[in-house]
Structure formats: C-alpha cells, structure tokens
C-alpha cells in the first residue's frame, strides 16, 4: 500500500519538527547526512515516519571516561 500524502511535510514543517532551519536541512542534504527526502519537480517533501526513524538513528550513548 503506498504511503498517504498527508504523511509528507515540506521542508519548513520538518525543520520546525526537528528544531533546525530549512537551510540546515539543505546543508545536511548536500553533506549526505540529513534525513531522507523526496523531490517532485521543484517541490521537496519529507516522509514524516522516515524523518522520525532518521532522528532515532542519531541517538548516541554517552562515552565514559572522556570528561576531565
């Protein structure tokens, strides 16, 4: 079953969701480190569940013994 279009958000909506600027999303895309996106013509959309999965993948456990 194809994803519903209401599961997609534009760059501004995703930037607000994760607390960064739309420009940061562009920079991350150029650096190949941001959330996945879909481009339809000139429109850039983000699949919300995929973005949330990407955010979850960014979790890091604290490193012990490094602070002094």
PDB file of N, CA and C in Angstrom:
ATOM      1  N   UNK A   1       0.838  -1.178   0.000  1.00  0.00           N
ATOM      2  CA  UNK A   1       0.000   0.000   0.000  1.00  0.00           C
ATOM      3  C   UNK A   1       0.889   1.249   0.000  1.00  0.00           C
ATOM      4  N   UNK A   2       0.671   2.184  -0.924  1.00  0.00           N
ATOM      5  CA  UNK A   2       1.511   3.383  -0.980  1.00  0.00           C
ATOM      6  C   UNK A   2       1.267   4.290   0.223  1.00  0.00           C
ATOM      7  N   UNK A   3       2.288   5.039   0.643  1.00  0.00           N
ATOM      8  CA  UNK A   3       2.115   5.954   1.769  1.00  0.00           C
ATOM      9  C   UNK A   3       1.096   7.044   1.430  1.00  0.00           C
ATOM     10  N   UNK A   4       0.424   7.535   2.446  1.00  0.00           N
ATOM     11  CA  UNK A   4      -0.542   8.614   2.258  1.00  0.00           C
ATOM     12  C   UNK A   4       0.199   9.934   2.123  1.00  0.00           C
ATOM     13  N   UNK A   5      -0.329  10.802   1.283  1.00  0.00           N
ATOM     14  CA  UNK A   5       0.338  12.091   1.092  1.00  0.00           C
ATOM     15  C   UNK A   5       0.329  12.944   2.352  1.00  0.00           C
ATOM     16  N   UNK A   6      -0.630  12.715   3.259  1.00  0.00           N
ATOM     17  CA  UNK A   6      -0.627  13.508   4.492  1.00  0.00           C
ATOM     18  C   UNK A   6       0.491  13.083   5.444  1.00  0.00           C
ATOM     19  N   UNK A   7       1.224  12.022   5.100  1.00  0.00           N
ATOM     20  CA  UNK A   7       2.387  11.605   5.879  1.00  0.00           C
ATOM     21  C   UNK A   7       3.649  12.360   5.451  1.00  0.00           C
ATOM     22  N   UNK A   8       3.498  13.249   4.490  1.00  0.00           N
ATOM     23  CA  UNK A   8       4.617  14.031   3.987  1.00  0.00           C
ATOM     24  C   UNK A   8       4.511  15.477   4.462  1.00  0.00           C
ATOM     25  N   UNK A   9       5.651  16.111   4.649  1.00  0.00           N
ATOM     26  CA  UNK A   9       5.691  17.515   5.048  1.00  0.00           C
ATOM     27  C   UNK A   9       6.729  18.227   4.205  1.00  0.00           C
ATOM     28  N   UNK A  10       6.551  19.526   4.064  1.00  0.00           N
ATOM     29  CA  UNK A  10       7.537  20.317   3.325  1.00  0.00           C
ATOM     30  C   UNK A  10       8.749  20.599   4.214  1.00  0.00           C
ATOM     31  N   UNK A  11       9.739  21.223   3.638  1.00  0.00           N
ATOM     32  CA  UNK A  11      10.994  21.499   4.333  1.00  0.00           C
ATOM     33  C   UNK A  11      10.780  22.333   5.592  1.00  0.00           C
ATOM     34  N   UNK A  12       9.924  23.347   5.504  1.00  0.00           N
ATOM     35  CA  UNK A  12       9.666  24.208   6.653  1.00  0.00           C
ATOM     36  C   UNK A  12       9.044  23.410   7.804  1.00  0.00           C
ATOM     37  N   UNK A  13       8.083  22.552   7.476  1.00  0.00           N
ATOM     38  CA  UNK A  13       7.428  21.749   8.508  1.00  0.00           C
ATOM     39  C   UNK A  13       8.385  20.798   9.201  1.00  0.00           C
ATOM     40  N   UNK A  14       9.259  20.163   8.444  1.00  0.00           N
ATOM     41  CA  UNK A  14      10.225  19.231   9.039  1.00  0.00           C
ATOM     42  C   UNK A  14      11.270  19.989   9.834  1.00  0.00           C
ATOM     43  N   UNK A  15      11.689  21.144   9.345  1.00  0.00           N
ATOM     44  CA  UNK A  15      12.655  21.962  10.085  1.00  0.00           C
ATOM     45  C   UNK A  15      12.089  22.328  11.459  1.00  0.00           C
ATOM     46  N   UNK A  16      10.829  22.727  11.494  1.00  0.00           N
ATOM     47  CA  UNK A  16      10.193  23.059  12.763  1.00  0.00           C
ATOM     48  C   UNK A  16      10.066  21.827  13.649  1.00  0.00           C
ATOM     49  N   UNK A  17       9.728  20.691  13.058  1.00  0.00           N
ATOM     50  CA  UNK A  17       9.556  19.453  13.811  1.00  0.00           C
ATOM     51  C   UNK A  17      10.831  19.052  14.539  1.00  0.00           C
ATOM     52  N   UNK A  18      11.983  19.163  13.870  1.00  0.00           N
ATOM     53  CA  UNK A  18      13.230  18.705  14.493  1.00  0.00           C
ATOM     54  C   UNK A  18      14.081  19.845  15.049  1.00  0.00           C
ATOM     55  N   UNK A  19      13.593  21.085  14.939  1.00  0.00           N
ATOM     56  CA  UNK A  19      14.265  22.205  15.588  1.00  0.00           C
ATOM     57  C   UNK A  19      15.503  22.732  14.888  1.00  0.00           C
ATOM     58  N   UNK A  20      15.498  22.700  13.568  1.00  0.00           N
ATOM     59  CA  UNK A  20      16.597  23.281  12.798  1.00  0.00           C
ATOM     60  C   UNK A  20      16.002  24.200  11.733  1.00  0.00           C
ATOM     61  N   UNK A  21      16.839  24.923  11.030  1.00  0.00           N
ATOM     62  CA  UNK A  21      16.348  25.797   9.968  1.00  0.00           C
ATOM     63  C   UNK A  21      16.241  25.013   8.656  1.00  0.00           C
ATOM     64  N   UNK A  22      15.407  25.476   7.735  1.00  0.00           N
ATOM     65  CA  UNK A  22      15.358  24.841   6.409  1.00  0.00           C
ATOM     66  C   UNK A  22      16.730  24.855   5.727  1.00  0.00           C
ATOM     67  N   UNK A  23      17.484  25.897   5.974  1.00  0.00           N
ATOM     68  CA  UNK A  23      18.824  25.986   5.390  1.00  0.00           C
ATOM     69  C   UNK A  23      19.741  24.873   5.917  1.00  0.00           C
ATOM     70  N   UNK A  24      19.578  24.532   7.202  1.00  0.00           N
ATOM     71  CA  UNK A  24      20.351  23.429   7.775  1.00  0.00           C
ATOM     72  C   UNK A  24      19.997  22.119   7.087  1.00  0.00           C
ATOM     73  N   UNK A  25      18.703  21.899   6.819  1.00  0.00           N
ATOM     74  CA  UNK A  25      18.302  20.695   6.091  1.00  0.00           C
ATOM     75  C   UNK A  25      18.964  20.637   4.718  1.00  0.00           C
ATOM     76  N   UNK A  26      19.031  21.771   4.032  1.00  0.00           N
ATOM     77  CA  UNK A  26      19.720  21.813   2.725  1.00  0.00           C
ATOM     78  C   UNK A  26      21.199  21.471   2.867  1.00  0.00           C
ATOM     79  N   UNK A  27      21.839  22.051   3.882  1.00  0.00           N
ATOM     80  CA  UNK A  27      23.270  21.793   4.092  1.00  0.00           C
ATOM     81  C   UNK A  27      23.500  20.320   4.401  1.00  0.00           C
ATOM     82  N   UNK A  28      22.673  19.758   5.289  1.00  0.00           N
ATOM     83  CA  UNK A  28      22.811  18.342   5.610  1.00  0.00           C
ATOM     84  C   UNK A  28      22.631  17.483   4.370  1.00  0.00           C
ATOM     85  N   UNK A  29      21.676  17.832   3.515  1.00  0.00           N
ATOM     86  CA  UNK A  29      21.446  17.051   2.290  1.00  0.00           C
ATOM     87  C   UNK A  29      22.697  17.097   1.403  1.00  0.00           C
ATOM     88  N   UNK A  30      23.277  18.275   1.268  1.00  0.00           N
ATOM     89  CA  UNK A  30      24.493  18.414   0.451  1.00  0.00           C
ATOM     90  C   UNK A  30      25.667  17.648   1.044  1.00  0.00           C
ATOM     91  N   UNK A  31      25.693  17.517   2.370  1.00  0.00           N
ATOM     92  CA  UNK A  31      26.754  16.772   3.049  1.00  0.00           C
ATOM     93  C   UNK A  31      26.412  15.278   3.162  1.00  0.00           C
ATOM     94  N   UNK A  32      25.268  14.881   2.628  1.00  0.00           N
ATOM     95  CA  UNK A  32      24.805  13.490   2.654  1.00  0.00           C
ATOM     96  C   UNK A  32      24.671  12.948   4.065  1.00  0.00           C
ATOM     97  N   UNK A  33      24.113  13.781   4.983  1.00  0.00           N
ATOM     98  CA  UNK A  33      23.955  13.317   6.361  1.00  0.00           C
ATOM     99  C   UNK A  33      22.595  13.633   6.954  1.00  0.00           C
ATOM    100  N   UNK A  34      21.695  14.190   6.203  1.00  0.00           N
ATOM    101  CA  UNK A  34      20.389  14.557   6.722  1.00  0.00           C
ATOM    102  C   UNK A  34      19.351  13.475   6.525  1.00  0.00           C
ATOM    103  N   UNK A  35      18.113  13.784   6.899  1.00  0.00           N
ATOM    104  CA  UNK A  35      17.033  12.814   6.729  1.00  0.00           C
ATOM    105  C   UNK A  35      16.706  12.594   5.257  1.00  0.00           C
ATOM    106  N   UNK A  36      16.139  11.440   4.927  1.00  0.00           N
ATOM    107  CA  UNK A  36      15.772  11.172   3.529  1.00  0.00           C
ATOM    108  C   UNK A  36      14.667  12.102   3.065  1.00  0.00           C
ATOM    109  N   UNK A  37      14.634  12.366   1.768  1.00  0.00           N
ATOM    110  CA  UNK A  37      13.621  13.262   1.222  1.00  0.00           C
ATOM    111  C   UNK A  37      13.209  12.801  -0.169  1.00  0.00           C
ATOM    112  N   UNK A  38      12.112  13.366  -0.638  1.00  0.00           N
ATOM    113  CA  UNK A  38      11.570  13.075  -1.961  1.00  0.00           C
ATOM    114  C   UNK A  38      11.486  14.395  -2.712  1.00  0.00           C
ATOM    115  N   UNK A  39      11.879  14.399  -3.965  1.00  0.00           N
ATOM    116  CA  UNK A  39      11.771  15.604  -4.768  1.00  0.00           C
ATOM    117  C   UNK A  39      10.796  15.334  -5.903  1.00  0.00           C
ATOM    118  N   UNK A  40       9.733  16.121  -5.952  1.00  0.00           N
ATOM    119  CA  UNK A  40       8.721  16.035  -7.004  1.00  0.00           C
ATOM    120  C   UNK A  40       8.770  17.329  -7.790  1.00  0.00           C
ATOM    121  N   UNK A  41       9.425  17.301  -8.924  1.00  0.00           N
ATOM    122  CA  UNK A  41       9.635  18.543  -9.667  1.00  0.00           C
ATOM    123  C   UNK A  41      10.550  19.443  -8.861  1.00  0.00           C
ATOM    124  N   UNK A  42      10.058  20.626  -8.513  1.00  0.00           N
ATOM    125  CA  UNK A  42      10.831  21.565  -7.694  1.00  0.00           C
ATOM    126  C   UNK A  42      10.458  21.482  -6.222  1.00  0.00           C
ATOM    127  N   UNK A  43       9.495  20.648  -5.880  1.00  0.00           N
ATOM    128  CA  UNK A  43       8.997  20.535  -4.505  1.00  0.00           C
ATOM    129  C   UNK A  43       9.761  19.452  -3.756  1.00  0.00           C
ATOM    130  N   UNK A  44      10.271  19.792  -2.570  1.00  0.00           N
ATOM    131  CA  UNK A  44      10.970  18.836  -1.713  1.00  0.00           C
ATOM    132  C   UNK A  44      10.030  18.460  -0.570  1.00  0.00           C
ATOM    133  N   UNK A  45       9.826  17.165  -0.390  1.00  0.00           N
ATOM    134  CA  UNK A  45       8.961  16.662   0.679  1.00  0.00           C
ATOM    135  C   UNK A  45       9.719  15.648   1.518  1.00  0.00           C
ATOM    136  N   UNK A  46       9.312  15.542   2.764  1.00  0.00           N
ATOM    137  CA  UNK A  46       9.907  14.590   3.693  1.00  0.00           C
ATOM    138  C   UNK A  46       8.804  13.690   4.226  1.00  0.00           C
ATOM    139  N   UNK A  47       9.036  12.380   4.228  1.00  0.00           N
ATOM    140  CA  UNK A  47       8.096  11.404   4.780  1.00  0.00           C
ATOM    141  C   UNK A  47       8.308  11.401   6.295  1.00  0.00           C
ATOM    142  N   UNK A  48       7.303  11.876   7.037  1.00  0.00           N
ATOM    143  CA  UNK A  48       7.458  12.050   8.488  1.00  0.00           C
ATOM    144  C   UNK A  48       7.959  10.794   9.199  1.00  0.00           C
ATOM    145  N   UNK A  49       7.376   9.610   8.954  1.00  0.00           N
ATOM    146  CA  UNK A  49       7.909   8.420   9.636  1.00  0.00           C
ATOM    147  C   UNK A  49       9.391   8.153   9.319  1.00  0.00           C
ATOM    148  N   UNK A  50       9.811   8.447   8.111  1.00  0.00           N
ATOM    149  CA  UNK A  50      11.232   8.262   7.755  1.00  0.00           C
ATOM    150  C   UNK A  50      12.110   9.263   8.481  1.00  0.00           C
ATOM    151  N   UNK A  51      11.630  10.485   8.625  1.00  0.00           N
ATOM    152  CA  UNK A  51      12.398  11.510   9.352  1.00  0.00           C
ATOM    153  C   UNK A  51      12.524  11.113  10.813  1.00  0.00           C
ATOM    154  N   UNK A  52      11.431  10.644  11.414  1.00  0.00           N
ATOM    155  CA  UNK A  52      11.486  10.221  12.812  1.00  0.00           C
ATOM    156  C   UNK A  52      12.428   9.035  13.000  1.00  0.00           C
ATOM    157  N   UNK A  53      12.451   8.115  12.038  1.00  0.00           N
ATOM    158  CA  UNK A  53      13.395   6.994  12.091  1.00  0.00           C
ATOM    159  C   UNK A  53      14.834   7.503  11.973  1.00  0.00           C
ATOM    160  N   UNK A  54      15.050   8.515  11.136  1.00  0.00           N
ATOM    161  CA  UNK A  54      16.388   9.093  10.991  1.00  0.00           C
ATOM    162  C   UNK A  54      16.812   9.751  12.303  1.00  0.00           C
ATOM    163  N   UNK A  55      15.891  10.489  12.934  1.00  0.00           N
ATOM    164  CA  UNK A  55      16.203  11.126  14.219  1.00  0.00           C
ATOM    165  C   UNK A  55      16.589  10.052  15.232  1.00  0.00           C
ATOM    166  N   UNK A  56      15.819   8.974  15.288  1.00  0.00           N
ATOM    167  CA  UNK A  56      16.114   7.882  16.216  1.00  0.00           C
ATOM    168  C   UNK A  56      17.496   7.294  15.938  1.00  0.00           C
ATOM    169  N   UNK A  57      17.885   7.211  14.673  1.00  0.00           N
ATOM    170  CA  UNK A  57      19.189   6.645  14.325  1.00  0.00           C
ATOM    171  C   UNK A  57      20.350   7.543  14.747  1.00  0.00           C
ATOM    172  N   UNK A  58      20.061   8.789  15.107  1.00  0.00           N
ATOM    173  CA  UNK A  58      21.104   9.725  15.512  1.00  0.00           C
ATOM    174  C   UNK A  58      21.440   9.625  16.998  1.00  0.00           C
ATOM    175  N   UNK A  59      20.699   8.773  17.742  1.00  0.00           N
ATOM    176  CA  UNK A  59      20.966   8.612  19.170  1.00  0.00           C
ATOM    177  C   UNK A  59      22.384   8.089  19.397  1.00  0.00           C
ATOM    178  N   UNK A  60      23.006   8.614  20.431  1.00  0.00           N
ATOM    179  CA  UNK A  60      24.330   8.165  20.799  1.00  0.00           C
ATOM    180  C   UNK A  60      24.379   7.962  22.306  1.00  0.00           C
ATOM    181  N   UNK A  61      25.015   6.898  22.721  1.00  0.00           N
ATOM    182  CA  UNK A  61      25.215   6.659  24.156  1.00  0.00           C
ATOM    183  C   UNK A  61      26.380   7.521  24.623  1.00  0.00           C
ATOM    184  N   UNK A  62      26.322   7.992  25.860  1.00  0.00           N
ATOM    185  CA  UNK A  62      27.456   8.780  26.366  1.00  0.00           C
ATOM    186  C   UNK A  62      28.720   7.925  26.439  1.00  0.00           C
ATOM    187  N   UNK A  63      29.836   8.571  26.191  1.00  0.00           N
ATOM    188  CA  UNK A  63      31.136   7.897  26.254  1.00  0.00           C
ATOM    189  C   UNK A  63      31.681   8.079  27.649  1.00  0.00           C
ATOM    190  N   UNK A  64      32.043   6.994  28.275  1.00  0.00           N
ATOM    191  CA  UNK A  64      32.575   7.061  29.661  1.00  0.00           C
ATOM    192  C   UNK A  64      34.086   7.304  29.644  1.00  0.00           C
ATOM    193  N   UNK A  65      34.523   8.012  30.652  1.00  0.00           N
ATOM    194  CA  UNK A  65      35.948   8.197  30.853  1.00  0.00           C
ATOM    195  C   UNK A  65      36.583   9.272  29.989  1.00  0.00           C
ATOM    196  N   UNK A  66      35.785  10.042  29.246  1.00  0.00           N
ATOM    197  CA  UNK A  66      36.363  11.052  28.365  1.00  0.00           C
ATOM    198  C   UNK A  66      36.414  12.436  29.026  1.00  0.00           C
ATOM    199  N   UNK A  67      35.515  12.745  29.926  1.00  0.00           N
ATOM    200  CA  UNK A  67      35.467  14.088  30.531  1.00  0.00           C
ATOM    201  C   UNK A  67      36.451  14.197  31.685  1.00  0.00           C
ATOM    202  N   UNK A  68      37.085  15.330  31.758  1.00  0.00           N
ATOM    203  CA  UNK A  68      38.030  15.597  32.852  1.00  0.00           C
ATOM    204  C   UNK A  68      38.056  17.055  33.121  1.00  0.00           C
TER     205      UNK A  68
END
